[in-house]
Amino acid sequence: MTETGRFVWYDLMTTDLPAARDFYGHVVGWAIAEAGMPGTDYSLVRLGQMMVGGMMTLPDEVRAQGGRAGWMGYVAVADVDAASAAVSEAGGTIHRPPADIPGIGRFCVAADPQGAVFVLFRGDGPLPPAPTPGTPGHFGWHEMHATDWEEAFAFYAPLFGWVKTEAVDMGPLGIYQLFGAPGPDGGCSGLHAGGMMTNAQVPAPFWLYYVNVEDIDAAGSRITAGGGRVVAGPHQVPGGAWTIHALDPQGAMFGLVGPRPGA
């Protein structure tokens, strides 16, 4: 089953899985346990009864090629093989060709023409329900840091059916373009799925994923207490929420978004 264009899963590739499990459990309140899949150290991330994503050790072959700890987002598509071909035709790269996860679905690890990595996915059964926007502990925002956001959007829009919503003028930093995922009726759902921006300050384009929290300052304190590092924020964003950019103890970047009750 699919909902083309919706982010439906998130994986952390890390160099120290036990430490990462402890860190994120403390910072965002996740329950993380081994998945029990033979031959793999994959762990499942839960919030109550709802699944959020997974964690696994960064494979040696990926590390040998320069791969580092980081989060990857899975985007639902109707046909993984067709979407994989479309990525290649549009100038993207296939890092891992389409393959089946028995009893789960089919996936493909890809990168856009600017090098940002993401995963194409189609599940064998119903997809997990989308949480209510802003629900603490769930991923609530998806942000593309691109060499050229307009070229990036031109790549993703036909692939996933994404449409532009609001454009925010950030002055010297340029335009922050919000985009929406398609809804069940084929049109924009009316909910922002994320934003794209041109960011010349990063060494390479990437997707940044934000987790909703109840109190941005309290969550930021938990990051530093757990051995992570806040690299930017808290910054207020349109709508009144506040954001933090952070690195976990293994160097994976992630974001937090939420209110600042004490402000």
C-alpha atoms as a PDB file:
ATOM      1  CA  MET A   1       0.000   0.000   0.000  1.00  0.00           C
ATOM      2  CA  THR A   2       1.285   3.507  -0.699  1.00  0.00           C
ATOM      3  CA  GLU A   3       0.676   7.180  -0.142  1.00  0.00           C
ATOM      4  CA  THR A   4       3.026   8.534  -2.772  1.00  0.00           C
ATOM      5  CA  GLY A   5       5.155  11.418  -1.601  1.00  0.00           C
ATOM      6  CA  ARG A   6       4.742  10.992   2.172  1.00  0.00           C
ATOM      7  CA  PHE A   7       7.720  10.413   4.449  1.00  0.00           C
ATOM      8  CA  VAL A   8       6.776   7.175   6.183  1.00  0.00           C
ATOM      9  CA  TRP A   9       9.904   5.908   7.956  1.00  0.00           C
ATOM     10  CA  TYR A  10      13.277   7.069   9.281  1.00  0.00           C
ATOM     11  CA  ASP A  11      16.495   5.125   9.817  1.00  0.00           C
ATOM     12  CA  LEU A  12      19.579   6.093  11.775  1.00  0.00           C
ATOM     13  CA  MET A  13      22.884   4.651  10.589  1.00  0.00           C
ATOM     14  CA  THR A  14      25.298   4.968  13.510  1.00  0.00           C
ATOM     15  CA  THR A  15      28.778   3.937  14.589  1.00  0.00           C
ATOM     16  CA  ASP A  16      27.688   2.991  18.131  1.00  0.00           C
ATOM     17  CA  LEU A  17      24.199   1.536  18.254  1.00  0.00           C
ATOM     18  CA  PRO A  18      23.894   0.987  22.047  1.00  0.00           C
ATOM     19  CA  ALA A  19      25.044   4.564  22.719  1.00  0.00           C
ATOM     20  CA  ALA A  20      22.670   5.980  20.089  1.00  0.00           C
ATOM     21  CA  ARG A  21      19.757   4.076  21.589  1.00  0.00           C
ATOM     22  CA  ASP A  22      20.497   5.500  25.036  1.00  0.00           C
ATOM     23  CA  PHE A  23      20.935   9.037  23.702  1.00  0.00           C
ATOM     24  CA  TYR A  24      17.718   9.304  21.695  1.00  0.00           C
ATOM     25  CA  GLY A  25      15.691   7.481  24.312  1.00  0.00           C
ATOM     26  CA  HIS A  26      16.761  10.130  26.810  1.00  0.00           C
ATOM     27  CA  VAL A  27      16.397  13.146  24.502  1.00  0.00           C
ATOM     28  CA  VAL A  28      13.041  12.443  22.838  1.00  0.00           C
ATOM     29  CA  GLY A  29      11.496   9.678  24.942  1.00  0.00           C
ATOM     30  CA  TRP A  30      11.623   6.844  22.437  1.00  0.00           C
ATOM     31  CA  ALA A  31      11.464   3.177  23.418  1.00  0.00           C
ATOM     32  CA  ILE A  32      14.132   1.410  21.354  1.00  0.00           C
ATOM     33  CA  ALA A  33      14.607  -2.351  21.242  1.00  0.00           C
ATOM     34  CA  GLU A  34      16.163  -4.968  19.020  1.00  0.00           C
ATOM     35  CA  ALA A  35      13.925  -5.963  16.138  1.00  0.00           C
ATOM     36  CA  GLY A  36      14.829  -9.637  16.438  1.00  0.00           C
ATOM     37  CA  MET A  37      15.688  -9.929  12.749  1.00  0.00           C
ATOM     38  CA  PRO A  38      18.202 -12.753  12.175  1.00  0.00           C
ATOM     39  CA  GLY A  39      21.588 -11.613  10.891  1.00  0.00           C
ATOM     40  CA  THR A  40      21.105  -7.918  11.631  1.00  0.00           C
ATOM     41  CA  ASP A  41      21.504  -5.554  14.557  1.00  0.00           C
ATOM     42  CA  TYR A  42      18.480  -3.508  13.521  1.00  0.00           C
ATOM     43  CA  SER A  43      16.557  -1.821  16.341  1.00  0.00           C
ATOM     44  CA  LEU A  44      12.997  -0.518  16.198  1.00  0.00           C
ATOM     45  CA  VAL A  45      12.020   2.907  17.512  1.00  0.00           C
ATOM     46  CA  ARG A  46       8.586   3.231  19.121  1.00  0.00           C
ATOM     47  CA  LEU A  47       6.566   5.928  20.789  1.00  0.00           C
ATOM     48  CA  GLY A  48       3.887   4.183  22.781  1.00  0.00           C
ATOM     49  CA  GLN A  49       2.260   1.748  20.351  1.00  0.00           C
ATOM     50  CA  MET A  50       3.277   3.691  17.238  1.00  0.00           C
ATOM     51  CA  MET A  51       6.369   2.896  15.200  1.00  0.00           C
ATOM     52  CA  VAL A  52       8.672   5.804  14.407  1.00  0.00           C
ATOM     53  CA  GLY A  53      11.684   4.304  12.659  1.00  0.00           C
ATOM     54  CA  GLY A  54      14.772   2.181  13.098  1.00  0.00           C
ATOM     55  CA  MET A  55      18.455   2.221  13.950  1.00  0.00           C
ATOM     56  CA  MET A  56      21.357   0.109  12.792  1.00  0.00           C
ATOM     57  CA  THR A  57      25.146   0.054  12.753  1.00  0.00           C
ATOM     58  CA  LEU A  58      26.720   1.830   9.795  1.00  0.00           C
ATOM     59  CA  PRO A  59      27.953  -0.987   7.512  1.00  0.00           C
ATOM     60  CA  ASP A  60      31.721  -1.328   7.126  1.00  0.00           C
ATOM     61  CA  GLU A  61      31.505  -0.994   3.347  1.00  0.00           C
ATOM     62  CA  VAL A  62      29.607   2.285   3.675  1.00  0.00           C
ATOM     63  CA  ARG A  63      32.132   3.593   6.196  1.00  0.00           C
ATOM     64  CA  ALA A  64      34.997   2.574   3.880  1.00  0.00           C
ATOM     65  CA  GLN A  65      33.435   4.728   1.156  1.00  0.00           C
ATOM     66  CA  GLY A  66      33.343   7.757   3.424  1.00  0.00           C
ATOM     67  CA  GLY A  67      29.846   7.260   4.804  1.00  0.00           C
ATOM     68  CA  ARG A  68      29.158   8.810   8.201  1.00  0.00           C
ATOM     69  CA  ALA A  69      26.504   8.490  10.860  1.00  0.00           C
ATOM     70  CA  GLY A  70      23.227  10.048   9.749  1.00  0.00           C
ATOM     71  CA  TRP A  71      19.468   9.829   9.377  1.00  0.00           C
ATOM     72  CA  MET A  72      17.699   8.713   6.192  1.00  0.00           C
ATOM     73  CA  GLY A  73      14.048   9.333   5.354  1.00  0.00           C
ATOM     74  CA  TYR A  74      11.868   6.841   3.468  1.00  0.00           C
ATOM     75  CA  VAL A  75       9.383   8.280   0.974  1.00  0.00           C
ATOM     76  CA  ALA A  76       6.419   6.193  -0.179  1.00  0.00           C
ATOM     77  CA  VAL A  77       6.082   5.453  -3.891  1.00  0.00           C
ATOM     78  CA  ALA A  78       3.677   3.279  -5.857  1.00  0.00           C
ATOM     79  CA  ASP A  79       6.454   1.386  -7.684  1.00  0.00           C
ATOM     80  CA  VAL A  80      10.007   1.321  -6.319  1.00  0.00           C
ATOM     81  CA  ASP A  81      11.543   0.019  -9.546  1.00  0.00           C
ATOM     82  CA  ALA A  82       9.853   2.660 -11.694  1.00  0.00           C
ATOM     83  CA  ALA A  83      10.814   5.405  -9.231  1.00  0.00           C
ATOM     84  CA  SER A  84      14.394   4.126  -9.188  1.00  0.00           C
ATOM     85  CA  ALA A  85      14.537   4.368 -12.962  1.00  0.00           C
ATOM     86  CA  ALA A  86      13.079   7.876 -12.802  1.00  0.00           C
ATOM     87  CA  VAL A  87      15.803   8.919 -10.334  1.00  0.00           C
ATOM     88  CA  SER A  88      18.508   7.732 -12.712  1.00  0.00           C
ATOM     89  CA  GLU A  89      16.881   9.367 -15.721  1.00  0.00           C
ATOM     90  CA  ALA A  90      16.685  12.685 -13.843  1.00  0.00           C
ATOM     91  CA  GLY A  91      20.399  12.623 -13.008  1.00  0.00           C
ATOM     92  CA  GLY A  92      20.228  11.089  -9.542  1.00  0.00           C
ATOM     93  CA  THR A  93      22.241   8.156  -8.209  1.00  0.00           C
ATOM     94  CA  ILE A  94      21.179   4.713  -7.030  1.00  0.00           C
ATOM     95  CA  HIS A  95      23.331   3.653  -4.073  1.00  0.00           C
ATOM     96  CA  ARG A  96      21.453   0.414  -3.460  1.00  0.00           C
ATOM     97  CA  PRO A  97      19.199  -1.007  -6.185  1.00  0.00           C
ATOM     98  CA  PRO A  98      15.621  -2.070  -5.445  1.00  0.00           C
ATOM     99  CA  ALA A  99      15.408  -5.009  -3.061  1.00  0.00           C
ATOM    100  CA  ASP A 100      12.776  -6.704  -0.943  1.00  0.00           C
ATOM    101  CA  ILE A 101      12.549  -6.739   2.844  1.00  0.00           C
ATOM    102  CA  PRO A 102      10.636  -9.994   3.430  1.00  0.00           C
ATOM    103  CA  GLY A 103       7.234  -9.327   4.933  1.00  0.00           C
ATOM    104  CA  ILE A 104       7.826  -5.560   5.009  1.00  0.00           C
ATOM    105  CA  GLY A 105       8.115  -4.122   1.521  1.00  0.00           C
ATOM    106  CA  ARG A 106      10.524  -3.040  -1.205  1.00  0.00           C
ATOM    107  CA  PHE A 107      13.102  -0.259  -0.983  1.00  0.00           C
ATOM    108  CA  CYS A 108      15.901   1.494  -2.823  1.00  0.00           C
ATOM    109  CA  VAL A 109      18.592   3.863  -1.506  1.00  0.00           C
ATOM    110  CA  ALA A 110      18.991   6.827  -3.847  1.00  0.00           C
ATOM    111  CA  ALA A 111      20.438  10.329  -4.033  1.00  0.00           C
ATOM    112  CA  ASP A 112      19.267  13.404  -5.870  1.00  0.00           C
ATOM    113  CA  PRO A 113      21.530  15.058  -8.503  1.00  0.00           C
ATOM    114  CA  GLN A 114      23.073  17.249  -5.770  1.00  0.00           C
ATOM    115  CA  GLY A 115      23.951  14.217  -3.644  1.00  0.00           C
ATOM    116  CA  ALA A 116      21.332  14.253  -0.850  1.00  0.00           C
ATOM    117  CA  VAL A 117      20.416  10.667   0.100  1.00  0.00           C
ATOM    118  CA  PHE A 118      16.867   9.354   0.606  1.00  0.00           C
ATOM    119  CA  VAL A 119      15.028   6.032   0.386  1.00  0.00           C
ATOM    120  CA  LEU A 120      12.233   4.963  -1.963  1.00  0.00           C
ATOM    121  CA  PHE A 121       9.767   2.613  -0.279  1.00  0.00           C
ATOM    122  CA  ARG A 122       6.597   0.658  -0.907  1.00  0.00           C
ATOM    123  CA  GLY A 123       5.117  -1.388   1.906  1.00  0.00           C
ATOM    124  CA  ASP A 124       3.548  -4.814   1.517  1.00  0.00           C
ATOM    125  CA  GLY A 125       0.672  -3.807   3.786  1.00  0.00           C
ATOM    126  CA  PRO A 126      -0.913  -0.684   5.230  1.00  0.00           C
ATOM    127  CA  LEU A 127       1.482   2.137   5.996  1.00  0.00           C
ATOM    128  CA  PRO A 128       1.693   3.431   9.565  1.00  0.00           C
ATOM    129  CA  PRO A 129      -0.843   6.200  10.115  1.00  0.00           C
ATOM    130  CA  ALA A 130       0.457   9.737   9.917  1.00  0.00           C
ATOM    131  CA  PRO A 131       0.613  11.195  13.435  1.00  0.00           C
ATOM    132  CA  THR A 132      -1.279  14.354  14.296  1.00  0.00           C
ATOM    133  CA  PRO A 133       0.961  17.308  13.324  1.00  0.00           C
ATOM    134  CA  GLY A 134       3.106  18.411  16.243  1.00  0.00           C
ATOM    135  CA  THR A 135       2.809  15.162  18.211  1.00  0.00           C
ATOM    136  CA  PRO A 136       5.879  15.009  20.495  1.00  0.00           C
ATOM    137  CA  GLY A 137       8.300  12.218  19.663  1.00  0.00           C
ATOM    138  CA  HIS A 138       7.371  11.997  15.986  1.00  0.00           C
ATOM    139  CA  PHE A 139       9.206  13.519  13.064  1.00  0.00           C
ATOM    140  CA  GLY A 140       7.418  16.727  12.197  1.00  0.00           C
ATOM    141  CA  TRP A 141       9.498  18.473   9.555  1.00  0.00           C
ATOM    142  CA  HIS A 142      11.723  17.587   6.589  1.00  0.00           C
ATOM    143  CA  GLU A 143      14.244  20.152   5.411  1.00  0.00           C
ATOM    144  CA  MET A 144      16.368  20.055   2.274  1.00  0.00           C
ATOM    145  CA  HIS A 145      19.694  21.900   2.454  1.00  0.00           C
ATOM    146  CA  ALA A 146      20.595  22.145  -1.218  1.00  0.00           C
ATOM    147  CA  THR A 147      23.223  23.597  -3.494  1.00  0.00           C
ATOM    148  CA  ASP A 148      20.280  25.031  -5.441  1.00  0.00           C
ATOM    149  CA  TRP A 149      16.805  24.531  -3.954  1.00  0.00           C
ATOM    150  CA  GLU A 150      15.002  25.323  -7.210  1.00  0.00           C
ATOM    151  CA  GLU A 151      16.883  22.573  -9.053  1.00  0.00           C
ATOM    152  CA  ALA A 152      16.226  20.239  -6.116  1.00  0.00           C
ATOM    153  CA  PHE A 153      12.494  20.937  -6.196  1.00  0.00           C
ATOM    154  CA  ALA A 154      12.437  20.380  -9.965  1.00  0.00           C
ATOM    155  CA  PHE A 155      13.858  16.894  -9.298  1.00  0.00           C
ATOM    156  CA  TYR A 156      11.570  15.892  -6.421  1.00  0.00           C
ATOM    157  CA  ALA A 157       8.270  17.375  -7.627  1.00  0.00           C
ATOM    158  CA  PRO A 158       7.635  14.961 -10.535  1.00  0.00           C
ATOM    159  CA  LEU A 159       9.080  12.033  -8.568  1.00  0.00           C
ATOM    160  CA  PHE A 160       6.796  12.421  -5.548  1.00  0.00           C
ATOM    161  CA  GLY A 161       4.057  14.793  -6.698  1.00  0.00           C
ATOM    162  CA  TRP A 162       5.169  17.471  -4.256  1.00  0.00           C
ATOM    163  CA  VAL A 163       3.763  20.952  -4.751  1.00  0.00           C
ATOM    164  CA  LYS A 164       5.011  24.337  -3.580  1.00  0.00           C
ATOM    165  CA  THR A 165       3.048  25.981  -0.802  1.00  0.00           C
ATOM    166  CA  GLU A 166       4.354  29.077   0.999  1.00  0.00           C
ATOM    167  CA  ALA A 167       7.633  30.831   0.121  1.00  0.00           C
ATOM    168  CA  VAL A 168       9.360  32.597   3.010  1.00  0.00           C
ATOM    169  CA  ASP A 169      11.797  35.410   2.194  1.00  0.00           C
ATOM    170  CA  MET A 170      14.775  35.079   4.563  1.00  0.00           C
ATOM    171  CA  GLY A 171      16.531  38.201   3.276  1.00  0.00           C
ATOM    172  CA  PRO A 172      20.252  37.582   2.644  1.00  0.00           C
ATOM    173  CA  LEU A 173      19.694  33.841   3.124  1.00  0.00           C
ATOM    174  CA  GLY A 174      17.289  33.717   0.176  1.00  0.00           C
ATOM    175  CA  ILE A 175      13.959  31.942  -0.166  1.00  0.00           C
ATOM    176  CA  TYR A 176      12.797  29.139   2.102  1.00  0.00           C
ATOM    177  CA  GLN A 177      10.331  27.203  -0.042  1.00  0.00           C
ATOM    178  CA  LEU A 178       7.721  25.139   1.767  1.00  0.00           C
ATOM    179  CA  PHE A 179       6.248  22.141  -0.010  1.00  0.00           C
ATOM    180  CA  GLY A 180       3.288  19.845   0.535  1.00  0.00           C
ATOM    181  CA  ALA A 181       2.824  16.141   0.039  1.00  0.00           C
ATOM    182  CA  PRO A 182      -0.145  15.034  -2.056  1.00  0.00           C
ATOM    183  CA  GLY A 183      -3.311  14.132  -0.211  1.00  0.00           C
ATOM    184  CA  PRO A 184      -5.663  11.187  -0.779  1.00  0.00           C
ATOM    185  CA  ASP A 185      -7.608  13.189  -3.361  1.00  0.00           C
ATOM    186  CA  GLY A 186      -4.465  13.755  -5.405  1.00  0.00           C
ATOM    187  CA  GLY A 187      -4.127  17.395  -4.420  1.00  0.00           C
ATOM    188  CA  CYS A 188      -2.034  19.041  -1.752  1.00  0.00           C
ATOM    189  CA  SER A 189      -3.040  17.800   1.689  1.00  0.00           C
ATOM    190  CA  GLY A 190      -2.906  21.333   3.022  1.00  0.00           C
ATOM    191  CA  LEU A 191      -0.205  20.304   5.471  1.00  0.00           C
ATOM    192  CA  HIS A 192       3.380  21.375   4.933  1.00  0.00           C
ATOM    193  CA  ALA A 193       5.669  18.375   4.586  1.00  0.00           C
ATOM    194  CA  GLY A 194       8.826  20.435   4.781  1.00  0.00           C
ATOM    195  CA  GLY A 195      10.960  23.125   3.262  1.00  0.00           C
ATOM    196  CA  MET A 196      13.892  23.606   0.909  1.00  0.00           C
ATOM    197  CA  MET A 197      16.643  26.183   0.957  1.00  0.00           C
ATOM    198  CA  THR A 198      19.943  26.898  -0.748  1.00  0.00           C
ATOM    199  CA  ASN A 199      22.699  26.542   1.840  1.00  0.00           C
ATOM    200  CA  ALA A 200      26.246  27.207   0.676  1.00  0.00           C
ATOM    201  CA  GLN A 201      27.571  26.761   4.224  1.00  0.00           C
ATOM    202  CA  VAL A 202      27.230  22.969   4.344  1.00  0.00           C
ATOM    203  CA  PRO A 203      29.891  20.666   2.862  1.00  0.00           C
ATOM    204  CA  ALA A 204      27.309  18.666   0.911  1.00  0.00           C
ATOM    205  CA  PRO A 205      23.519  18.799   0.371  1.00  0.00           C
ATOM    206  CA  PHE A 206      21.465  16.732   2.807  1.00  0.00           C
ATOM    207  CA  TRP A 207      18.025  16.167   4.302  1.00  0.00           C
ATOM    208  CA  LEU A 208      17.563  17.307   7.893  1.00  0.00           C
ATOM    209  CA  TYR A 209      14.773  15.675   9.900  1.00  0.00           C
ATOM    210  CA  TYR A 210      13.150  17.378  12.909  1.00  0.00           C
ATOM    211  CA  VAL A 211      11.551  15.597  15.862  1.00  0.00           C
ATOM    212  CA  ASN A 212       8.659  17.295  17.670  1.00  0.00           C
ATOM    213  CA  VAL A 213       9.263  18.066  21.353  1.00  0.00           C
ATOM    214  CA  GLU A 214       7.115  19.603  24.090  1.00  0.00           C
ATOM    215  CA  ASP A 215       9.740  22.094  25.321  1.00  0.00           C
ATOM    216  CA  ILE A 216      12.640  23.102  23.067  1.00  0.00           C
ATOM    217  CA  ASP A 217      14.834  24.376  25.914  1.00  0.00           C
ATOM    218  CA  ALA A 218      14.367  21.274  28.050  1.00  0.00           C
ATOM    219  CA  ALA A 219      15.108  19.050  25.048  1.00  0.00           C
ATOM    220  CA  GLY A 220      18.215  21.089  24.228  1.00  0.00           C
ATOM    221  CA  SER A 221      19.475  20.566  27.778  1.00  0.00           C
ATOM    222  CA  ARG A 222      18.959  16.814  27.398  1.00  0.00           C
ATOM    223  CA  ILE A 223      21.060  16.860  24.214  1.00  0.00           C
ATOM    224  CA  THR A 224      24.095  18.317  25.975  1.00  0.00           C
ATOM    225  CA  ALA A 225      23.568  16.182  29.077  1.00  0.00           C
ATOM    226  CA  GLY A 226      23.566  13.095  26.851  1.00  0.00           C
ATOM    227  CA  GLY A 227      26.844  13.964  25.161  1.00  0.00           C
ATOM    228  CA  GLY A 228      25.407  15.579  22.019  1.00  0.00           C
ATOM    229  CA  ARG A 229      25.972  19.115  20.802  1.00  0.00           C
ATOM    230  CA  VAL A 230      23.567  21.902  19.901  1.00  0.00           C
ATOM    231  CA  VAL A 231      25.022  23.602  16.817  1.00  0.00           C
ATOM    232  CA  ALA A 232      22.279  26.161  16.149  1.00  0.00           C
ATOM    233  CA  GLY A 233      19.278  27.545  18.003  1.00  0.00           C
ATOM    234  CA  PRO A 234      16.867  27.798  19.544  1.00  0.00           C
ATOM    235  CA  HIS A 235      15.600  29.904  16.624  1.00  0.00           C
ATOM    236  CA  GLN A 236      11.990  30.986  16.216  1.00  0.00           C
ATOM    237  CA  VAL A 237      10.360  30.060  12.910  1.00  0.00           C
ATOM    238  CA  PRO A 238       7.149  31.263  11.227  1.00  0.00           C
ATOM    239  CA  GLY A 239       4.137  30.002  13.161  1.00  0.00           C
ATOM    240  CA  GLY A 240       5.735  30.526  16.558  1.00  0.00           C
ATOM    241  CA  ALA A 241       7.642  27.265  17.001  1.00  0.00           C
ATOM    242  CA  TRP A 242      11.339  27.101  17.855  1.00  0.00           C
ATOM    243  CA  THR A 243      14.003  24.885  16.297  1.00  0.00           C
ATOM    244  CA  ILE A 244      17.365  23.424  17.248  1.00  0.00           C
ATOM    245  CA  HIS A 245      20.010  21.827  15.019  1.00  0.00           C
ATOM    246  CA  ALA A 246      22.105  19.259  16.839  1.00  0.00           C
ATOM    247  CA  LEU A 247      24.659  16.480  16.516  1.00  0.00           C
ATOM    248  CA  ASP A 248      24.289  13.249  18.439  1.00  0.00           C
ATOM    249  CA  PRO A 249      27.405  11.775  20.145  1.00  0.00           C
ATOM    250  CA  GLN A 250      28.259   9.802  16.984  1.00  0.00           C
ATOM    251  CA  GLY A 251      28.028  12.878  14.745  1.00  0.00           C
ATOM    252  CA  ALA A 252      24.609  12.356  13.121  1.00  0.00           C
ATOM    253  CA  MET A 253      22.770  15.635  12.565  1.00  0.00           C
ATOM    254  CA  PHE A 254      19.115  15.989  13.529  1.00  0.00           C
ATOM    255  CA  GLY A 255      16.671  18.745  14.367  1.00  0.00           C
ATOM    256  CA  LEU A 256      14.123  19.406  17.082  1.00  0.00           C
ATOM    257  CA  VAL A 257      11.039  21.594  16.749  1.00  0.00           C
ATOM    258  CA  GLY A 258       8.608  22.703  19.420  1.00  0.00           C
ATOM    259  CA  PRO A 259       7.374  25.481  21.694  1.00  0.00           C
ATOM    260  CA  ARG A 260       9.447  27.496  24.142  1.00  0.00           C
ATOM    261  CA  PRO A 261       7.202  27.758  27.187  1.00  0.00           C
ATOM    262  CA  GLY A 262       9.707  29.844  29.106  1.00  0.00           C
ATOM    263  CA  ALA A 263      10.170  32.482  26.373  1.00  0.00           C
END
